[in-house]
Protein backbone atom coordinates (compact mmCIF):
# COMPACT_ATOMS: atom_id res chain seq x y z
CA MET A 1 5.52 -6.64 -20.55
CA THR A 2 4.22 -9.19 -17.94
CA GLU A 3 4.09 -13.00 -18.56
CA SER A 4 0.53 -12.72 -19.96
CA ASP A 5 1.96 -10.73 -22.62
CA ARG A 6 4.47 -13.52 -23.45
CA GLU A 7 1.87 -15.69 -26.29
CA PRO A 8 1.01 -12.70 -28.12
CA PHE A 9 4.44 -10.92 -27.93
CA PHE A 10 5.55 -14.19 -29.81
CA THR A 11 2.79 -14.39 -32.28
CA LEU A 12 3.80 -10.62 -33.26
CA LEU A 13 6.96 -11.70 -33.42
CA ALA A 14 6.53 -14.75 -35.63
CA ASP A 15 4.32 -12.55 -37.79
CA VAL A 16 7.31 -9.76 -38.35
CA TYR A 17 9.90 -12.14 -39.63
CA ALA A 18 7.67 -14.07 -41.60
CA PHE A 19 7.17 -10.80 -43.23
CA TYR A 20 10.80 -10.59 -43.80
CA ARG A 21 10.78 -13.77 -44.78
CA ALA A 22 13.26 -14.76 -41.98
CA ASP A 23 13.86 -17.59 -39.26
CA LEU A 24 13.13 -16.82 -35.43
CA SER A 25 15.38 -18.86 -33.40
CA THR A 26 14.92 -19.92 -30.06
CA PHE A 27 17.77 -17.06 -28.99
CA VAL A 28 17.03 -14.69 -30.72
CA GLY A 29 13.42 -14.65 -29.17
CA SER A 30 14.51 -14.60 -26.09
CA VAL A 31 17.01 -11.33 -26.78
CA TRP A 32 13.90 -9.86 -27.87
CA TRP A 33 11.67 -10.89 -24.97
CA THR A 34 14.48 -9.73 -22.61
CA ALA A 35 14.73 -6.32 -24.41
CA MET A 36 10.86 -5.48 -25.12
CA GLN A 37 9.97 -6.21 -21.34
CA PRO A 38 10.09 -2.98 -20.03
CA TYR A 39 7.60 -1.90 -22.35
CA ASP A 40 3.73 -2.26 -23.16
CA LEU A 41 3.14 -4.79 -25.71
CA ALA A 42 0.79 -2.04 -26.86
CA ALA A 43 4.00 0.25 -28.04
CA VAL A 44 6.07 -2.36 -28.97
CA ASN A 45 3.58 -3.20 -31.42
CA ASP A 46 3.11 -0.11 -32.54
CA ALA A 47 6.94 0.57 -32.79
CA MET A 48 7.29 -2.64 -35.11
CA GLY A 49 4.73 -1.25 -37.69
CA ARG A 50 6.22 2.02 -37.80
CA HIS A 51 9.27 0.34 -38.55
CA CYS A 52 8.24 -1.92 -41.22
CA ALA A 53 6.32 1.27 -42.96
CA ASN A 54 9.42 3.21 -42.71
CA PRO A 55 10.54 4.18 -46.08
CA ASP A 56 14.41 4.63 -44.91
CA THR A 57 14.53 1.24 -42.75
CA GLY A 58 11.74 -0.24 -43.62
CA GLN A 59 13.00 -2.58 -45.91
CA TYR A 60 15.42 -4.25 -43.60
CA LEU A 61 14.36 -6.96 -40.54
CA PRO A 62 14.14 -4.92 -37.49
CA LYS A 63 16.62 -5.69 -34.65
CA PRO A 64 15.62 -5.01 -30.59
CA ALA A 65 18.02 -2.04 -30.67
CA ASP A 66 15.81 -0.51 -33.52
CA VAL A 67 12.95 -1.11 -31.64
CA VAL A 68 13.93 0.37 -28.30
CA ARG A 69 15.72 3.30 -29.83
CA MET A 70 11.96 3.99 -31.51
CA LEU A 71 10.46 3.61 -27.79
CA GLN A 72 12.82 5.72 -26.43
CA GLY A 73 11.75 8.12 -28.66
CA SER A 74 8.06 7.80 -28.24
CA THR A 75 8.79 8.47 -24.60
CA GLN A 76 10.84 11.79 -24.98
CA ASP A 77 7.96 13.42 -27.31
CA SER A 78 5.15 11.73 -24.83
CA ALA A 79 7.26 13.73 -22.27
CA LEU A 80 7.66 16.86 -24.10
CA VAL A 81 3.59 16.97 -24.62
CA ALA A 82 3.02 16.15 -21.07
CA TRP A 83 5.27 19.13 -20.03
CA ALA A 84 3.54 21.51 -22.56
CA LYS A 85 -0.09 20.65 -20.87
CA VAL A 86 1.88 21.01 -17.42
CA ASP A 87 3.58 24.87 -18.43
CA ARG A 88 -0.10 25.82 -20.19
CA ALA A 89 -2.35 24.86 -16.98
CA VAL A 90 0.16 26.85 -14.68
CA ARG A 91 0.50 30.01 -16.63
CA GLN A 92 -3.55 30.01 -17.61
CA VAL A 93 -5.20 28.13 -14.69
CA GLY A 94 -2.63 29.10 -11.86
CA THR A 95 -1.45 26.90 -9.01
CA TRP A 96 -4.34 28.36 -6.62
CA GLN A 97 -6.52 25.91 -8.39
CA SER A 98 -6.71 22.12 -7.62
CA VAL A 99 -6.54 20.69 -11.26
CA VAL A 100 -6.99 16.83 -12.64
CA PHE A 101 -4.68 16.38 -15.88
CA ASP A 102 -6.29 13.57 -18.39
CA ASP A 103 -2.77 11.47 -17.71
CA ALA A 104 -1.98 9.97 -14.65
CA LEU A 105 1.48 10.01 -14.81
CA ILE A 106 1.76 13.93 -14.77
CA HIS A 107 0.04 13.65 -11.40
CA ARG A 108 2.69 11.01 -10.04
CA VAL A 109 5.78 12.60 -11.49
CA LEU A 110 4.57 16.16 -10.17
CA HIS A 111 3.74 14.67 -6.77
CA ASP A 112 7.47 13.18 -6.58
CA MET A 113 8.74 17.00 -8.06
CA GLY A 114 7.02 17.90 -4.72
CA GLY A 115 3.12 18.66 -5.77
CA TRP A 116 1.52 21.20 -8.04
CA LEU A 117 1.37 23.85 -5.32
CA ALA A 118 6.09 23.56 -5.37
CA LEU A 119 5.47 24.75 -9.08
CA GLU A 120 4.76 28.57 -7.55
CA ARG A 121 8.57 28.58 -5.91
CA ASN A 122 10.55 28.25 -9.30
CA THR A 123 11.21 31.89 -11.18
CA GLU A 124 11.22 31.97 -14.83
CA ASP A 125 15.02 31.18 -14.87
CA ASP A 126 14.51 28.12 -13.17
CA TRP A 127 11.84 27.40 -15.40
CA PRO A 128 13.99 25.73 -18.14
CA PHE A 129 15.42 23.07 -15.25
CA VAL A 130 12.42 22.01 -13.76
CA ALA A 131 11.05 21.30 -17.21
CA LYS A 132 14.33 19.10 -17.45
CA GLU A 133 13.57 17.21 -14.40
CA PHE A 134 9.94 16.85 -15.09
CA GLN A 135 10.84 15.02 -18.28
CA ASN A 136 13.57 12.63 -17.22
CA ARG A 137 11.17 11.56 -14.58
CA TYR A 138 8.72 11.31 -16.68
CA ARG A 139 11.04 9.50 -19.19
CA GLY A 140 11.70 7.10 -16.45
CA TYR A 141 8.39 6.40 -16.02
CA ARG A 142 7.25 5.25 -19.38
CA GLY A 143 9.92 3.53 -20.35
CA ARG A 144 9.99 1.33 -17.75
CA SER A 145 6.11 1.06 -18.65
CA GLU A 146 5.21 1.73 -14.94
CA ARG A 147 1.88 2.05 -13.63
CA PRO A 148 2.53 3.49 -10.99
CA ASP A 149 -0.29 4.85 -7.77
CA TYR A 150 -0.58 8.76 -8.11
CA PRO A 151 -2.81 11.76 -6.27
CA PRO A 152 -6.37 11.81 -8.25
CA VAL A 153 -6.20 15.78 -8.05
CA LEU A 154 -3.19 17.99 -7.92
CA VAL A 155 -4.23 20.33 -4.73
CA GLY A 156 -4.24 23.52 -5.68
CA ALA A 157 -3.89 26.48 -2.87
CA THR A 158 -7.06 27.62 -2.45
CA GLN A 159 -7.87 23.82 -1.37
CA ALA A 160 -5.13 23.61 0.78
CA HIS A 161 -5.93 26.74 2.09
CA ASN A 162 -9.38 25.54 2.82
CA SER A 163 -8.75 21.74 4.42
CA ARG A 164 -6.65 24.18 7.04
CA VAL A 165 -9.44 25.93 8.35
CA GLY A 166 -12.20 23.75 7.82
CA GLY A 167 -13.48 24.45 4.20
CA GLY A 168 -15.01 22.44 1.61
CA ALA A 169 -12.81 21.60 -1.19
CA PRO A 170 -13.38 23.37 -4.78
CA ALA A 171 -14.20 21.92 -7.79
CA PRO A 172 -11.26 20.68 -9.75
CA VAL A 173 -10.39 22.09 -13.19
CA LEU A 174 -9.79 19.68 -15.88
CA ILE A 175 -6.81 19.91 -17.72
CA GLY A 176 -6.84 18.07 -21.16
CA ASP A 177 -9.60 16.10 -22.48
CA ALA A 178 -12.34 16.12 -20.21
CA GLY A 179 -13.30 12.20 -19.98
CA GLN A 180 -9.79 11.17 -19.82
CA ALA A 181 -9.37 14.07 -17.04
CA ARG A 182 -12.55 12.27 -15.16
CA ALA A 183 -10.85 8.21 -15.59
CA VAL A 184 -7.49 9.62 -13.70
CA LEU A 185 -9.53 11.27 -11.08
CA ALA A 186 -11.28 8.11 -10.78
CA GLY A 187 -8.35 5.95 -10.66
CA GLY A 188 -6.29 8.27 -8.08
CA THR A 189 -5.68 7.01 -4.64
CA THR A 190 -5.41 8.79 -1.24
CA SER A 191 -3.60 6.68 0.73
CA PRO A 192 0.56 7.84 1.17
CA LEU A 193 2.50 7.09 -2.39
CA VAL A 194 5.76 5.75 0.02
CA GLY A 195 4.96 4.10 2.84
CA PHE A 196 6.40 4.74 6.36
CA SER A 197 7.02 2.22 9.09
CA GLN A 198 9.24 1.98 12.64
CA VAL A 199 11.34 -0.98 13.13
CA THR A 200 10.44 -2.58 16.61
CA ARG A 201 12.62 -2.97 19.41
CA PRO A 202 12.67 -6.60 19.09
CA GLU A 203 13.31 -6.27 15.98
CA LEU A 204 16.50 -4.09 16.76
CA LEU A 205 17.57 -6.65 19.62
CA ALA A 206 17.08 -9.38 16.53
CA LEU A 207 19.48 -7.48 14.33
CA ALA A 208 21.88 -6.90 17.22
CA ALA A 209 22.39 -10.35 18.81
CA PRO A 210 24.87 -11.65 15.99
CA ASN A 211 27.31 -8.72 16.82
CA ARG A 212 27.14 -9.13 20.85
CA GLU A 213 27.67 -13.09 19.68
CA ALA A 214 30.90 -12.38 17.49
CA ALA A 215 32.12 -9.85 20.17
């Protein structure tokens, strides 16, 4: 959550405490805010509602640990769903075609793992380890509620070859919900996701100056 979420979050928290006829102190509120900041407000709202409706624990006022546990479970579920899409796309579409998933985070995670084409280098024996790495990376982003930049298209072998010989880019295959996949395509960036720059000679000299003076 961001600072702009503070007011609606505390409104939600006050409603939850009122539901359980409990008092909300300033200290308790600060603990809640710190614990919930890594997550989306919508996800926290959903987790609060699910706790209240839980037949086993819903009679008790939720603690931050209860909601964090529920949110982390949600990220695991999301990671499994995301990997199932990737696994199915590799097997049914293939890495020779460029693809656009309906989940932008899939694009970023696969980019971090070397790209769409990198998946073809793995054997069936490698596949469980690839799945685990993907799920861990995906959960890391989701757990921190990050919205990182991502490539609009995961480039397949055909497009990669065409770009080397000056050919055109084939239309990518949309994976999952077509409308959401088109939104992912529109929201991606073709800029480098990791920036590189070189230290200038004046900067090097400035860094070395204190060492010369000490000598």
